[in-house]
Protein backbone atom coordinates (compact mmCIF):
# COMPACT_ATOMS: atom_id res chain seq x y z
CA MET A 1 91.19 85.33 104.48
CA THR A 2 94.32 84.97 106.10
CA HIS A 3 95.63 81.53 105.40
CA ILE A 4 98.20 79.26 108.00
CA SER A 5 100.52 77.01 106.25
CA PRO A 6 100.74 73.59 107.00
CA SER A 7 104.12 72.88 108.91
CA PRO A 8 104.68 73.46 112.17
CA LEU A 9 107.00 76.39 114.10
CA THR A 10 109.95 74.05 114.74
CA ARG A 11 113.53 73.66 113.51
CA ARG A 12 111.76 71.71 110.91
CA GLY A 13 109.81 74.79 109.61
CA LEU A 14 108.66 77.35 111.97
CA LEU A 15 104.89 78.05 111.01
CA LYS A 16 102.15 77.42 113.16
CA ALA A 17 99.49 74.96 112.01
CA GLY A 18 95.49 76.00 113.01
CA GLY A 19 92.54 77.59 111.70
CA GLY A 20 93.42 80.11 109.30
CA LEU A 21 93.83 83.50 111.05
CA GLY A 22 97.23 84.51 113.16
CA LEU A 23 97.36 85.62 116.59
CA ALA A 24 97.65 88.99 115.14
CA ALA A 25 94.53 89.05 113.40
CA LEU A 26 92.85 87.61 116.56
CA GLY A 27 93.65 90.79 118.44
CA LEU A 28 97.34 90.67 119.48
CA GLY A 29 99.65 93.85 119.09
CA LEU A 30 96.81 95.64 117.30
CA GLY A 31 96.51 99.03 117.26
CA ALA A 32 99.51 101.64 116.97
CA PRO A 33 100.39 103.01 120.74
CA SER A 34 104.13 104.26 121.75
CA ALA A 35 106.36 101.01 122.56
CA SER A 36 105.94 100.03 126.56
CA ALA A 37 109.20 98.27 126.25
CA SER A 38 112.54 98.82 124.52
CA VAL A 39 115.75 97.35 122.80
CA PRO A 40 118.91 97.03 124.56
CA SER A 41 122.22 99.61 123.71
CA SER A 42 124.03 98.40 121.06
CA GLN A 43 127.19 99.97 118.54
CA ARG A 44 125.86 101.60 115.55
CA PHE A 45 127.89 101.60 112.18
CA ASP A 46 129.70 104.83 111.87
CA LEU A 47 128.13 105.68 108.08
CA THR A 48 131.20 108.37 107.12
CA GLN A 49 133.54 105.13 106.59
CA PRO A 50 134.84 103.46 103.39
CA SER A 51 132.38 101.45 101.42
CA TYR A 52 133.74 97.95 99.85
CA ASP A 53 132.34 95.82 97.08
CA LEU A 54 131.10 92.78 97.66
CA PHE A 55 129.99 92.47 94.10
CA ARG A 56 129.28 94.40 90.81
CA SER A 57 126.72 94.20 88.00
CA LYS A 58 125.68 90.89 88.14
CA THR A 59 122.63 89.50 86.29
CA LEU A 60 119.12 88.58 88.38
CA HIS A 61 116.31 86.38 86.79
CA ASP A 62 114.20 89.78 85.14
CA SER A 63 115.84 92.44 83.80
CA THR A 64 113.96 95.38 85.91
CA VAL A 65 115.83 97.14 88.98
CA GLN A 66 116.36 95.62 91.71
CA GLN A 67 114.59 96.72 94.80
CA GLY A 68 115.23 95.36 98.50
CA PHE A 69 117.85 92.39 99.09
CA ALA A 70 117.84 90.09 102.21
CA PHE A 71 120.60 87.74 103.81
CA ASP A 72 119.49 84.40 105.41
CA ASN A 73 121.91 84.38 107.71
CA VAL A 74 121.70 80.61 109.05
CA ASN A 75 122.64 79.79 105.76
CA ARG A 76 124.52 81.99 103.99
CA ARG A 77 122.11 82.77 101.51
CA LEU A 78 121.22 86.18 99.65
CA PHE A 79 118.17 86.98 97.96
CA VAL A 80 117.04 90.18 95.78
CA ALA A 81 113.51 91.40 94.80
CA GLN A 82 112.56 93.39 91.81
CA ARG A 83 109.83 93.64 89.59
CA THR A 84 108.10 90.89 87.08
CA ASP A 85 109.26 91.20 83.51
CA GLY A 86 106.83 92.97 81.65
CA SER A 87 104.27 93.18 84.44
CA SER A 88 102.46 96.87 85.39
CA GLU A 89 104.70 99.12 88.12
CA THR A 90 101.64 98.56 90.27
CA GLY A 91 100.72 95.23 90.33
CA GLY A 92 102.64 94.36 93.03
CA ASP A 93 104.38 91.20 90.84
CA LEU A 94 107.94 90.31 91.98
CA CYS A 95 110.43 88.33 90.88
CA ILE A 96 112.86 87.15 93.85
CA THR A 97 116.09 85.92 92.82
CA GLN A 98 118.55 83.76 94.91
CA LEU A 99 122.77 84.52 94.08
CA ASP A 100 125.80 83.22 96.29
CA PHE A 101 128.06 85.77 97.49
CA ALA A 102 129.93 86.43 94.41
CA GLY A 103 126.53 87.20 93.21
CA ASN A 104 126.41 83.88 90.37
CA TYR A 105 122.86 83.08 89.95
CA VAL A 106 121.76 79.99 92.22
CA GLY A 107 117.52 80.42 91.50
CA TYR A 108 114.15 82.63 91.67
CA MET A 109 111.01 82.77 92.68
CA HIS A 110 107.85 84.49 91.49
CA LEU A 111 104.87 86.00 93.74
CA GLN A 112 102.15 87.62 91.93
CA GLY A 113 100.10 90.50 93.41
CA PHE A 114 102.28 90.91 96.90
CA GLY A 115 104.13 94.72 96.12
CA HIS A 116 106.41 96.91 95.60
CA GLY A 117 109.59 94.91 97.24
CA VAL A 118 111.26 97.97 98.56
CA SER A 119 112.65 95.57 101.50
CA PHE A 120 111.64 92.36 102.61
CA GLY A 121 113.08 89.99 105.04
CA ALA A 122 114.97 85.99 105.21
CA GLN A 123 114.76 83.67 107.95
CA GLY A 124 117.03 80.86 108.06
CA LEU A 125 115.10 77.93 109.82
CA GLY A 126 116.94 74.58 109.52
CA SER A 127 118.14 73.97 105.84
CA ASP A 128 115.12 75.89 104.72
CA THR A 129 114.68 79.99 104.41
CA TYR A 130 111.43 81.24 104.84
CA LEU A 131 110.86 84.91 103.13
CA TRP A 132 108.99 87.46 105.00
CA THR A 133 106.94 89.72 102.18
CA GLU A 134 104.63 92.61 101.69
CA VAL A 135 101.31 91.07 100.05
CA ASP A 136 98.07 91.76 98.73
CA ALA A 137 99.47 95.13 96.73
CA ASN A 138 96.82 97.63 96.75
CA SER A 139 96.19 99.69 93.68
CA ASN A 140 99.55 101.70 93.97
CA GLY A 141 101.30 98.43 94.08
CA TYR A 142 101.70 98.35 97.62
CA GLY A 143 101.57 95.38 100.24
CA THR A 144 98.76 95.84 102.76
CA ARG A 145 99.64 93.03 104.70
CA LEU A 146 102.58 90.90 105.46
CA ALA A 147 103.66 87.60 104.32
CA ARG A 148 105.50 84.86 104.99
CA PHE A 149 106.04 81.32 102.80
CA LYS A 150 109.20 79.01 102.26
CA PHE A 151 111.67 79.72 99.38
CA THR A 152 111.08 77.03 96.54
CA ASP A 153 113.17 77.82 93.87
CA GLY A 154 110.99 78.03 90.27
CA GLN A 155 107.90 78.68 92.15
CA THR A 156 105.13 80.98 91.69
CA LEU A 157 102.62 82.16 94.54
CA GLY A 158 99.98 83.82 93.94
CA SER A 159 98.81 86.39 96.56
CA THR A 160 95.93 84.30 97.77
CA SER A 161 97.73 80.74 97.96
CA SER A 162 97.17 78.42 100.82
CA LEU A 163 100.84 78.72 101.05
CA LEU A 164 101.03 81.80 102.73
CA THR A 165 100.56 83.02 106.07
CA LYS A 166 99.33 86.49 106.66
CA TYR A 167 100.01 88.88 108.89
CA ALA A 168 98.47 92.56 110.12
CA PRO A 169 99.94 93.31 113.32
CA ILE A 170 98.72 97.21 113.18
CA SER A 171 95.16 97.58 112.97
CA THR A 172 95.18 101.05 111.74
CA ALA A 173 97.91 100.55 108.97
CA ASN A 174 96.94 100.20 104.99
CA GLU A 175 100.50 99.73 104.13
CA TYR A 176 102.99 97.44 105.39
CA THR A 177 106.84 96.03 104.60
CA CYS A 178 109.16 94.54 106.90
CA ALA A 179 113.15 93.33 107.63
CA ILE A 180 114.88 91.29 109.56
CA ASP A 181 118.12 92.10 111.90
CA PRO A 182 119.17 88.77 111.51
CA VAL A 183 121.98 89.44 114.69
CA THR A 184 119.34 90.37 117.33
CA ASN A 185 116.55 88.30 115.72
CA ARG A 186 113.82 90.78 115.43
CA LEU A 187 111.47 91.59 112.77
CA ILE A 188 111.13 95.18 111.85
CA VAL A 189 108.00 96.98 110.73
CA ARG A 190 107.77 99.78 108.21
CA TYR A 191 104.07 100.71 108.22
CA ASN A 192 101.51 103.26 107.01
CA ILE A 193 99.11 105.01 108.83
CA SER A 194 96.37 106.96 106.45
CA GLY A 195 96.63 110.80 107.34
CA ASP A 196 99.66 110.32 109.63
CA GLY A 197 102.14 109.06 106.97
CA LYS A 198 105.65 106.24 108.11
CA HIS A 199 106.15 104.55 111.44
CA ILE A 200 108.75 102.12 112.39
CA ALA A 201 107.69 98.93 115.43
CA ALA A 202 110.05 96.17 116.12
CA TYR A 203 109.62 92.87 117.41
CA ASP A 204 111.04 89.19 118.77
CA LEU A 205 110.91 87.36 115.11
CA ALA A 206 110.41 84.17 116.96
CA LYS A 207 106.95 85.53 118.38
CA ALA A 208 106.08 86.97 115.32
CA SER A 209 106.70 83.76 113.58
CA LEU A 210 103.79 82.48 115.95
CA GLY A 211 101.67 85.20 114.95
CA ASP A 212 102.18 86.76 118.21
CA PHE A 213 102.69 90.88 117.52
CA SER A 214 102.13 92.07 121.30
CA GLY A 215 105.00 92.28 122.81
CA ARG A 216 106.10 95.26 120.67
CA LEU A 217 109.34 96.55 121.47
CA VAL A 218 109.47 99.95 119.99
CA ASP A 219 107.14 102.03 117.86
CA PHE A 220 107.52 105.41 116.56
CA LYS A 221 107.00 107.59 113.67
CA GLN A 222 109.80 108.19 110.81
CA PRO A 223 111.34 111.16 111.34
CA ALA A 224 112.44 113.11 108.84
CA LEU A 225 115.01 111.36 106.54
CA GLY A 226 117.62 112.84 103.61
CA THR A 227 118.57 116.07 103.02
CA ARG A 228 119.58 115.46 99.04
CA SER A 229 116.54 113.81 98.18
CA ALA A 230 113.23 112.54 99.34
CA THR A 231 112.79 109.30 97.68
CA PHE A 232 113.05 106.58 99.77
CA GLN A 233 115.21 103.59 99.03
CA GLY A 234 115.54 101.02 101.88
CA TYR A 235 116.01 99.91 105.47
CA THR A 236 117.00 97.52 108.16
CA ALA A 237 118.56 97.33 111.37
CA TYR A 238 120.92 95.82 113.84
CA GLY A 239 120.49 96.81 117.52
CA GLN A 240 119.33 99.99 118.54
CA TYR A 241 119.53 101.02 115.34
CA LEU A 242 117.62 101.71 112.44
CA TYR A 243 119.45 102.54 109.18
CA VAL A 244 117.83 104.45 106.38
CA MET A 245 118.86 105.09 102.78
CA THR A 246 117.51 108.02 100.03
CA GLY A 247 118.54 108.74 96.98
CA ASP A 248 117.76 108.90 93.07
CA SER A 249 119.00 107.69 89.66
CA TYR A 250 121.97 109.11 87.64
CA ASP A 251 119.07 109.18 84.98
CA VAL A 252 117.50 111.52 87.77
CA THR A 253 120.17 113.17 88.87
CA GLY A 254 121.87 114.35 86.03
CA GLY A 255 125.15 111.71 86.97
CA VAL A 256 125.32 113.57 90.22
CA VAL A 257 125.06 111.30 93.38
CA ASN A 258 122.73 112.37 95.77
CA SER A 259 122.16 109.12 97.95
CA GLU A 260 122.71 109.41 101.31
CA VAL A 261 122.41 106.84 103.98
CA LEU A 262 121.58 107.66 108.23
CA SER A 263 120.82 106.07 111.16
CA ILE A 264 117.71 106.37 114.12
CA ASN A 265 118.05 105.42 117.12
CA MET A 266 114.77 102.91 117.60
CA ASN A 267 114.46 103.68 121.30
CA THR A 268 113.95 107.48 120.95
CA GLY A 269 112.56 108.20 117.25
CA ALA A 270 115.28 110.66 116.74
CA VAL A 271 117.86 110.55 114.43
CA ALA A 272 121.34 109.30 115.26
CA GLU A 273 123.66 110.03 112.95
CA ALA A 274 122.75 112.72 110.44
CA PRO A 275 122.34 111.57 106.65
CA VAL A 276 125.89 110.91 105.32
CA ILE A 277 126.55 111.36 101.13
CA THR A 278 127.31 107.65 100.12
CA ASN A 279 129.78 107.45 97.31
CA ALA A 280 129.60 103.50 97.39
CA GLY A 281 129.91 102.56 93.26
CA SER A 282 130.16 105.97 92.06
CA THR A 283 131.12 104.87 89.08
CA LEU A 284 128.52 102.65 88.02
CA SER A 285 126.09 103.35 84.82
CA PHE A 286 122.65 104.37 86.02
CA ARG A 287 122.93 103.96 89.44
CA GLU A 288 120.19 103.96 91.70
CA PRO A 289 120.10 103.52 95.36
CA GLU A 290 118.05 100.13 96.05
CA GLY A 291 117.79 98.19 99.46
CA LEU A 292 119.73 98.24 102.68
CA ALA A 293 120.57 94.63 104.87
CA ILE A 294 122.68 92.93 107.66
CA TYR A 295 124.99 90.01 107.28
CA LYS A 296 126.67 88.82 110.18
CA THR A 297 130.17 86.93 108.72
CA VAL A 298 131.37 83.54 109.71
CA ASP A 299 134.29 85.17 111.60
CA GLY A 300 131.76 87.46 113.52
CA GLU A 301 131.79 90.81 111.74
CA VAL A 302 128.87 92.72 111.48
CA ARG A 303 128.08 94.48 107.67
CA LEU A 304 125.68 96.93 106.91
CA PHE A 305 124.93 96.23 103.38
CA LEU A 306 124.02 99.14 100.67
CA GLY A 307 122.27 98.31 97.19
CA PHE A 308 122.37 100.00 93.75
CA ALA A 309 120.75 98.87 90.58
CA SER A 310 122.99 99.79 86.94
CA GLY A 311 123.29 99.19 83.95
CA ASP A 312 120.72 99.85 80.73
CA ALA A 313 116.87 99.10 80.70
CA GLY A 314 116.18 96.18 79.47
CA ASP A 315 119.72 94.53 81.39
CA ARG A 316 119.88 95.92 84.56
CA ARG A 317 122.18 94.77 86.78
CA SER A 318 122.84 93.99 90.82
CA ASN A 319 125.38 95.64 92.71
CA LEU A 320 126.32 95.25 96.80
CA PHE A 321 128.30 97.03 98.91
CA TYR A 322 129.09 96.89 102.49
CA LYS A 323 130.26 99.14 105.52
CA ASN A 324 131.83 97.59 108.69
CA VAL A 325 133.21 99.66 110.52
CA LEU A 326 131.09 99.96 114.41
CA VAL A 327 131.23 102.69 116.96
């Protein structure tokens, strides 16, 4: 049963109260047809330009490798996902750590049976942050629906908690993750169709928060990605373009950098800028690419953030870098 949070969907708490099924589950936005609309044109990041440090070697609440990360651009908050210490790799148990922008520890949540954590979103509403994640992990540890809930420091949520609002916007999908473009306020959904692979859809975030997934902006099959590695490590979107990172840890490559970032034009589904090798954090130990996210500074600069895990097993660390040149 899909649960609806009791908080109203307003600036005081953006969830729709009601009887248990979101609009998506009642028949709006189902199926996977091609998009009937498009997103407005925008600039894109020049991926050949240098990356700059936000921070390196910061400790998260748990000691496992970081996965995705997300910014609440309203309240200027940062959240990082990782597998919960001691949990099964396929159990879907996640720890979400809140850090400040210097990488200092602020707080955490534990999520039981949610998913892998490769990507998630943070939505600022008033002084609160609502997280969008995958939920209801399958036997492989990947979420089979989306969930939305308020971040509460120190709280543990199970996948059946009444504090969750769950969505299944694509009726034929069997796995979901998501990201948020905080500049255009769009929800980006990456979903899997059995036998047909990964697809990308985009929605208006405010409507999606009400359970209305009927106005799909784009919907396309994910094209071929990295040239050096097939390991998918994160995605995000800014304006017209989706960004994807691939690559492996130094433990896999023998110390060779194979991490790449590429951009995709969401209006066509075609690659806009071919995979570019990224040497961000090349001197880190272990160095596994882990996550992408968008942030807009107080001064109005839009940044594409790249995440990497570092450190020894049992003491993995978080590292964030960014690109800021638009063309």
